[in-house]
Protein backbone atom coordinates (compact mmCIF):
# COMPACT_ATOMS: atom_id res chain seq x y z
CA MET A 1 0.00 0.00 0.00
CA ASP A 2 1.30 3.46 -0.94
CA ASN A 3 2.06 5.94 1.80
CA PRO A 4 -1.04 8.00 2.61
CA THR A 5 -1.13 11.62 1.50
CA LYS A 6 -0.40 13.96 4.40
CA VAL A 7 -2.98 16.76 4.57
CA VAL A 8 -2.29 19.57 7.06
CA PHE A 9 -5.30 21.69 8.03
CA PHE A 10 -4.15 25.18 9.02
CA HIS A 11 -6.58 26.78 11.49
CA ARG A 12 -6.72 30.26 12.92
CA ARG A 13 -6.52 30.62 16.69
CA PRO A 14 -10.17 30.34 17.84
CA ARG A 15 -11.60 33.57 19.19
CA LYS A 16 -12.59 33.51 22.82
CA TYR A 17 -15.99 35.17 22.48
CA GLY A 18 -18.64 36.10 19.98
CA ASN A 19 -18.02 33.76 17.04
CA PHE A 20 -19.38 30.39 16.01
CA SER A 21 -16.21 28.95 14.56
CA VAL A 22 -16.13 26.64 11.55
CA GLU A 23 -12.95 24.94 12.78
CA PHE A 24 -14.94 22.03 14.18
CA ILE A 25 -16.27 21.40 10.65
CA TYR A 26 -12.79 20.82 9.29
CA ASN A 27 -12.02 18.68 12.32
CA SER A 28 -14.92 16.46 11.23
CA ILE A 29 -13.63 16.31 7.66
CA ARG A 30 -10.12 15.49 8.88
CA GLU A 31 -11.43 12.65 11.04
CA ASN A 32 -13.55 11.34 8.16
CA LEU A 33 -10.74 11.10 5.59
CA PRO A 34 -10.27 7.69 3.94
CA GLN A 35 -7.14 5.61 4.60
CA SER A 36 -5.37 7.04 1.56
CA PHE A 37 -5.06 10.33 3.47
CA ARG A 38 -3.69 11.26 6.88
CA GLY A 39 -5.00 14.49 8.33
CA PHE A 40 -3.10 16.73 10.74
CA LYS A 41 -4.26 19.89 12.49
CA SER A 42 -2.06 22.98 12.81
CA THR A 43 -3.66 25.66 14.99
CA ALA A 44 -2.02 29.08 15.04
CA THR A 45 -0.34 29.92 18.34
CA TYR A 46 -1.74 33.44 18.29
CA GLU A 47 -4.85 35.15 17.00
CA SER A 48 -4.41 36.75 13.59
CA GLN A 49 -3.73 40.28 14.88
CA GLY A 50 -0.82 42.64 14.29
CA ILE A 51 2.34 42.22 12.22
CA TRP A 52 4.50 40.35 14.73
CA LYS A 53 1.91 37.76 15.73
CA ARG A 54 1.08 37.10 12.09
CA LEU A 55 4.77 36.77 11.26
CA TYR A 56 5.17 34.20 14.06
CA ILE A 57 2.13 32.28 12.76
CA ALA A 58 3.61 32.29 9.26
CA ILE A 59 7.04 31.04 10.37
CA GLU A 60 5.59 28.16 12.37
CA ALA A 61 3.41 27.20 9.39
CA ILE A 62 6.51 26.85 7.17
CA PHE A 63 7.72 23.98 9.36
CA ARG A 64 4.34 22.24 9.51
CA GLN A 65 3.69 21.68 5.80
CA GLY A 66 2.43 18.42 4.30
CA ASP A 67 1.80 16.91 0.89
CA VAL A 68 -1.30 19.12 0.86
CA ASN A 69 -1.67 22.32 2.87
CA HIS A 70 -5.27 23.37 3.48
CA ILE A 71 -5.78 26.87 4.89
CA THR A 72 -9.29 26.68 6.28
CA GLY A 73 -10.07 30.37 6.53
CA ASP A 74 -9.15 33.74 8.05
CA VAL A 75 -5.34 33.22 8.01
CA HIS A 76 -5.21 33.67 4.22
CA PHE A 77 -1.78 35.32 4.37
CA LEU A 78 -0.19 31.94 5.13
CA THR A 79 -0.29 31.12 1.42
CA THR A 80 2.62 33.55 0.95
CA PHE A 81 4.85 31.31 3.07
CA LEU A 82 3.71 27.84 1.94
CA LYS A 83 4.51 25.85 -1.19
CA LYS A 84 2.15 27.16 -3.84
CA LYS A 85 1.66 23.87 -5.69
CA ARG A 86 0.77 22.15 -2.41
CA THR A 87 -1.69 24.70 -1.04
CA VAL A 88 -5.46 24.98 -1.16
CA LEU A 89 -7.13 28.04 0.36
CA THR A 90 -10.72 28.15 1.62
CA VAL A 91 -12.45 31.54 1.46
CA LEU A 92 -15.40 31.43 3.85
CA ASP A 93 -16.80 34.82 2.92
CA VAL A 94 -15.74 38.29 1.82
CA GLY A 95 -17.72 40.27 4.37
CA PHE A 96 -14.61 42.36 5.00
CA MET A 97 -15.27 44.03 1.63
CA ASN A 98 -18.23 45.78 3.27
CA HIS A 99 -15.83 47.92 5.30
CA PRO A 100 -16.95 51.58 5.13
CA SER A 101 -13.45 52.84 4.25
CA GLU A 102 -12.38 52.50 0.61
CA ARG A 103 -8.74 52.51 1.64
CA ALA A 104 -9.34 49.68 4.11
CA ARG A 105 -11.24 47.71 1.45
CA ASN A 106 -8.32 48.04 -0.95
CA VAL A 107 -5.84 46.85 1.67
CA LEU A 108 -8.07 43.96 2.70
CA ARG A 109 -8.69 42.93 -0.91
CA PHE A 110 -4.94 42.89 -1.60
CA PHE A 111 -3.87 40.93 1.50
CA TRP A 112 -6.92 38.67 1.94
CA LEU A 113 -7.85 37.97 -1.69
CA THR A 114 -5.41 39.06 -4.40
CA VAL A 115 -2.14 37.80 -2.90
CA PRO A 116 -3.49 34.67 -1.11
CA ILE A 117 -5.49 33.46 -4.13
CA GLY A 118 -2.53 34.15 -6.40
CA ARG A 119 -0.33 32.05 -4.13
CA ALA A 120 -2.69 29.04 -3.88
CA ALA A 121 -2.87 26.15 -6.32
CA LEU A 122 -6.63 25.89 -5.82
CA VAL A 123 -9.26 27.85 -3.91
CA THR A 124 -12.50 26.62 -2.40
CA THR A 125 -15.51 28.63 -1.30
CA ILE A 126 -18.35 27.34 0.85
CA SER A 127 -21.06 28.64 -1.50
CA GLN A 128 -21.52 29.70 -5.10
CA ALA A 129 -22.51 33.12 -3.77
CA THR A 130 -19.09 33.53 -2.14
CA LYS A 131 -17.34 32.41 -5.32
CA ASP A 132 -19.32 35.00 -7.28
CA GLU A 133 -18.30 37.68 -4.79
CA VAL A 134 -14.62 36.71 -4.99
CA LEU A 135 -14.75 36.99 -8.77
CA LYS A 136 -16.47 40.36 -8.45
CA PHE A 137 -13.61 41.78 -6.39
CA MET A 138 -10.62 40.32 -8.25
CA LYS A 139 -9.56 38.84 -11.57
CA CYS A 140 -9.10 35.09 -11.35
CA ASP A 141 -9.69 32.04 -13.52
CA PRO A 142 -13.13 30.81 -12.35
CA GLU A 143 -11.92 27.22 -12.76
CA LYS A 144 -9.37 27.80 -10.01
CA ILE A 145 -12.22 28.25 -7.50
CA LYS A 146 -14.21 25.18 -6.50
CA VAL A 147 -17.46 25.34 -4.51
CA VAL A 148 -17.50 22.87 -1.61
CA HIS A 149 -20.37 23.31 0.80
CA VAL A 150 -20.26 22.92 4.57
CA PRO A 151 -21.19 19.51 6.04
CA ILE A 152 -23.76 19.26 8.79
CA SER A 153 -23.04 16.89 11.64
CA ASP A 154 -24.94 13.61 11.76
CA ASP A 155 -25.73 14.54 15.36
CA TYR A 156 -28.47 16.79 13.97
CA ARG A 157 -31.39 14.40 13.60
CA PRO A 158 -35.19 14.70 13.40
CA SER A 159 -36.67 15.66 16.77
CA PRO A 160 -40.48 15.75 16.48
CA LYS A 161 -42.25 18.36 18.58
CA PRO A 162 -45.82 19.74 18.54
CA PHE A 163 -45.78 23.27 17.11
CA ASN A 164 -46.63 25.93 19.71
CA LYS A 165 -48.98 28.12 17.71
CA GLU A 166 -49.97 30.27 20.70
CA LYS A 167 -46.44 31.32 21.65
CA PRO A 168 -43.82 29.79 19.35
CA VAL A 169 -40.18 29.66 20.41
CA ILE A 170 -38.05 31.37 17.78
CA LEU A 171 -34.34 30.52 17.74
CA GLN A 172 -31.67 32.98 16.57
CA LEU A 173 -28.04 31.82 16.50
CA GLY A 174 -25.39 34.52 16.41
CA CYS A 175 -25.38 38.19 17.33
CA ALA A 176 -22.84 39.77 14.98
CA PRO A 177 -23.99 42.93 13.15
CA ASN A 178 -24.80 40.96 9.98
CA LYS A 179 -27.33 38.88 11.94
CA ASN A 180 -29.78 41.78 11.69
CA ILE A 181 -31.06 41.47 15.27
CA GLY A 182 -32.46 45.00 15.42
CA ARG A 183 -34.83 44.43 12.52
CA LEU A 184 -35.65 40.96 13.83
CA ILE A 185 -36.82 42.49 17.11
CA GLU A 186 -38.94 45.04 15.27
CA ALA A 187 -40.51 42.32 13.13
CA LEU A 188 -41.38 40.15 16.14
CA LYS A 189 -42.56 42.96 18.42
CA PRO A 190 -46.33 42.51 17.81
CA ILE A 191 -46.17 38.70 17.53
CA PRO A 192 -46.75 36.61 20.70
CA CYS A 193 -43.56 34.54 20.84
CA HIS A 194 -40.46 33.73 22.87
CA LEU A 195 -37.13 34.69 21.28
CA GLU A 196 -34.14 32.48 22.10
CA ILE A 197 -30.85 34.17 21.22
CA VAL A 198 -27.56 32.27 21.26
CA GLY A 199 -24.65 34.71 21.43
CA ASN A 200 -23.27 37.62 23.39
CA LEU A 201 -25.92 40.22 22.57
CA ALA A 202 -24.94 43.90 22.54
CA PRO A 203 -26.46 45.87 25.46
CA GLU A 204 -28.34 48.25 23.15
CA LEU A 205 -30.12 45.31 21.50
CA GLU A 206 -31.08 43.81 24.84
CA ASN A 207 -32.41 47.23 25.82
CA GLN A 208 -34.49 47.16 22.63
CA LEU A 209 -35.94 43.80 23.67
CA LYS A 210 -36.80 45.14 27.12
CA ALA A 211 -38.32 48.35 25.74
CA ASN A 212 -40.61 46.29 23.50
CA GLY A 213 -41.68 44.07 26.41
CA MET A 214 -40.63 40.91 24.59
CA SER A 215 -40.22 37.44 26.05
CA TYR A 216 -36.62 36.37 25.47
CA GLN A 217 -33.60 34.48 26.74
CA ILE A 218 -29.93 35.04 25.88
CA SER A 219 -27.34 32.24 26.12
CA TRP A 220 -23.71 32.03 25.07
CA ASN A 221 -20.62 29.86 25.38
CA LEU A 222 -22.80 26.79 24.85
CA SER A 223 -21.56 23.31 24.01
CA GLU A 224 -22.57 21.67 20.74
CA GLU A 225 -24.99 19.47 22.67
CA ASP A 226 -26.52 22.55 24.32
CA ILE A 227 -27.03 24.13 20.91
CA ARG A 228 -28.69 21.00 19.56
CA GLN A 229 -31.05 21.10 22.53
CA LYS A 230 -31.96 24.68 21.56
CA TYR A 231 -32.99 23.39 18.13
CA HIS A 232 -35.05 20.62 19.73
CA ALA A 233 -36.90 23.07 21.99
CA CYS A 234 -37.72 25.70 19.36
CA ASP A 235 -40.54 25.96 16.82
CA ILE A 236 -38.93 28.22 14.21
CA VAL A 237 -35.30 28.93 13.33
CA THR A 238 -34.55 32.40 12.01
CA LEU A 239 -31.49 33.51 10.03
CA ILE A 240 -32.53 36.73 8.27
CA SER A 241 -29.01 38.08 7.93
CA THR A 242 -27.79 40.96 5.83
CA TYR A 243 -24.71 38.88 4.97
CA GLU A 244 -23.90 35.15 5.10
CA GLY A 245 -21.11 33.15 3.47
CA PHE A 246 -23.15 29.97 4.02
CA GLY A 247 -25.75 29.82 6.81
CA MET A 248 -25.37 26.57 8.77
CA PRO A 249 -28.44 27.11 11.00
CA ILE A 250 -30.64 26.72 7.91
CA VAL A 251 -29.52 23.14 7.31
CA GLU A 252 -29.20 22.27 11.00
CA ALA A 253 -32.85 23.30 11.38
CA ASN A 254 -33.76 21.27 8.29
CA ALA A 255 -32.08 18.21 9.80
CA THR A 256 -33.88 18.70 13.13
CA GLY A 257 -37.28 19.19 11.52
CA ARG A 258 -37.91 22.86 12.24
CA ALA A 259 -39.43 25.55 10.07
CA VAL A 260 -36.90 28.10 8.79
CA ILE A 261 -37.16 31.73 7.77
CA THR A 262 -34.09 33.25 6.12
CA GLY A 263 -32.88 36.01 3.83
CA ASN A 264 -33.40 36.09 0.08
CA ILE A 265 -29.87 37.34 -0.69
CA LEU A 266 -26.35 35.94 -1.23
CA SER A 267 -25.82 32.33 -0.05
CA MET A 268 -29.04 31.89 1.91
CA PRO A 269 -31.38 30.94 -0.99
CA GLU A 270 -28.65 28.66 -2.36
CA VAL A 271 -28.35 26.79 0.93
CA ALA A 272 -32.08 26.76 1.73
CA GLY A 273 -33.37 25.58 -1.64
CA ASP A 274 -37.12 25.05 -1.24
CA ALA A 275 -36.79 24.32 2.49
CA ALA A 276 -37.19 27.81 3.99
CA HIS A 277 -39.36 30.89 3.75
CA LEU A 278 -37.33 33.67 2.11
CA VAL A 279 -37.70 37.37 2.97
CA ASP A 280 -35.87 40.62 2.31
CA PRO A 281 -33.64 41.22 5.37
CA LEU A 282 -34.06 44.99 5.00
CA GLU A 283 -37.88 44.92 5.03
CA VAL A 284 -39.30 44.59 8.54
CA GLU A 285 -42.91 44.23 7.36
CA GLN A 286 -41.95 41.41 4.99
CA MET A 287 -40.07 39.69 7.81
CA ARG A 288 -43.10 40.00 10.09
CA ALA A 289 -45.43 38.61 7.40
CA GLY A 290 -43.07 35.66 6.96
CA PHE A 291 -43.24 34.77 10.64
CA GLU A 292 -47.03 35.11 10.61
CA LYS A 293 -47.27 32.73 7.65
CA LEU A 294 -45.07 30.12 9.29
CA ILE A 295 -47.08 30.33 12.50
CA HIS A 296 -50.57 30.21 11.02
CA ASP A 297 -50.25 28.27 7.74
CA GLU A 298 -49.76 24.71 8.99
CA ALA A 299 -49.77 23.04 5.55
CA TYR A 300 -47.10 25.43 4.25
CA ARG A 301 -45.00 25.01 7.39
CA GLU A 302 -45.16 21.21 7.23
CA GLN A 303 -44.20 21.25 3.55
CA LEU A 304 -41.11 23.32 4.30
CA ILE A 305 -40.14 20.89 7.06
CA ALA A 306 -40.58 17.91 4.70
CA ASN A 307 -38.49 19.69 2.07
CA GLY A 308 -35.87 20.32 4.74
CA PHE A 309 -35.25 16.62 5.33
CA VAL A 310 -34.50 16.28 1.60
CA ASN A 311 -32.39 19.43 1.47
CA ARG A 312 -30.24 18.24 4.36
CA LYS A 313 -28.96 15.33 2.21
CA ARG A 314 -26.95 17.79 0.08
CA PHE A 315 -24.72 18.53 3.08
CA THR A 316 -23.70 15.15 4.53
CA LEU A 317 -20.22 14.73 5.95
CA ASP A 318 -19.39 11.88 3.55
CA LYS A 319 -20.36 13.92 0.50
CA ILE A 320 -18.37 17.00 1.51
CA THR A 321 -15.35 14.90 2.56
CA ASN A 322 -15.45 13.25 -0.85
CA ASP A 323 -15.50 16.65 -2.56
CA TYR A 324 -12.41 17.73 -0.62
CA CYS A 325 -10.61 14.45 -1.30
CA THR A 326 -11.02 15.07 -5.04
CA ILE A 327 -9.28 18.41 -4.56
CA TYR A 328 -6.54 16.94 -2.35
CA LYS A 329 -5.78 14.33 -5.02
CA LEU A 330 -5.40 17.06 -7.62
CA ILE A 331 -2.99 18.96 -5.39
CA ALA A 332 -1.00 15.85 -4.41
CA ASN A 333 -0.67 14.87 -8.08
CA GLY A 334 0.48 18.33 -9.12
CA LEU A 335 -2.87 19.20 -10.73
């Protein structure tokens, strides 16, 4: 038997608060690799901040290279220091190109897109929408960028629950500015419901909840099992973001058997397919009407849930691992 191909997954240093990291996804892929591959994890010693810490991260990466080097996001600059023909870069999103300063956007585009993509043998994005955005901001051969979606853990399984029509529990995961919490609160204000928020909510948004007299609970630093229990206990999952590179809660809700309402822009329709109610994230009245429809139209709600079980099959761990293995073989064989 030939020696297995050594694949090194380069991870950023996980942030302490406020982010739902995708590192655990690549851990799952690494652990699911077939015997022809051996996966290794290289986590940066420091967070990607400042020149000196980034330089240290880059130097340590030089000495950790494998037959295939997979940069899994955020630390894009590592491509400059790794063997180009052996490196695949994953671009999770390009939300940084929404920075209000044109000068900052130009710097970010150069150091997080132009140089890293130029220095990688292949690039993956987690949605077609992200690939389209990358191509909008820089010139690149479209064939160099492969779309590989995010796998959803098999731990997310159907969990039947009677729908609480009188006071549904609505689950929101994440509190970053793109999660659109302010408009979500406005949309739900007149609707009898309980809002479950997972994340470290900004004080001004909690004040908005209190001012509107809403029923709510805020939780953060939860384990994966705790988060799954949140899905089991809820009636509707909401992800009406102004920006998403993928949108994992959509598919996690599909797998659990919960109705989903999400945005009609960027990656969200791509990920949701016909298994979610789509609304404009900038239109509060449209958001509110979407919640009302999910609550009161049982046939429609049940159809979305049924569609969700089918949609979830597009994002199995085996399928996504297979997609990455195809890319790793190309890299290992010199394309």
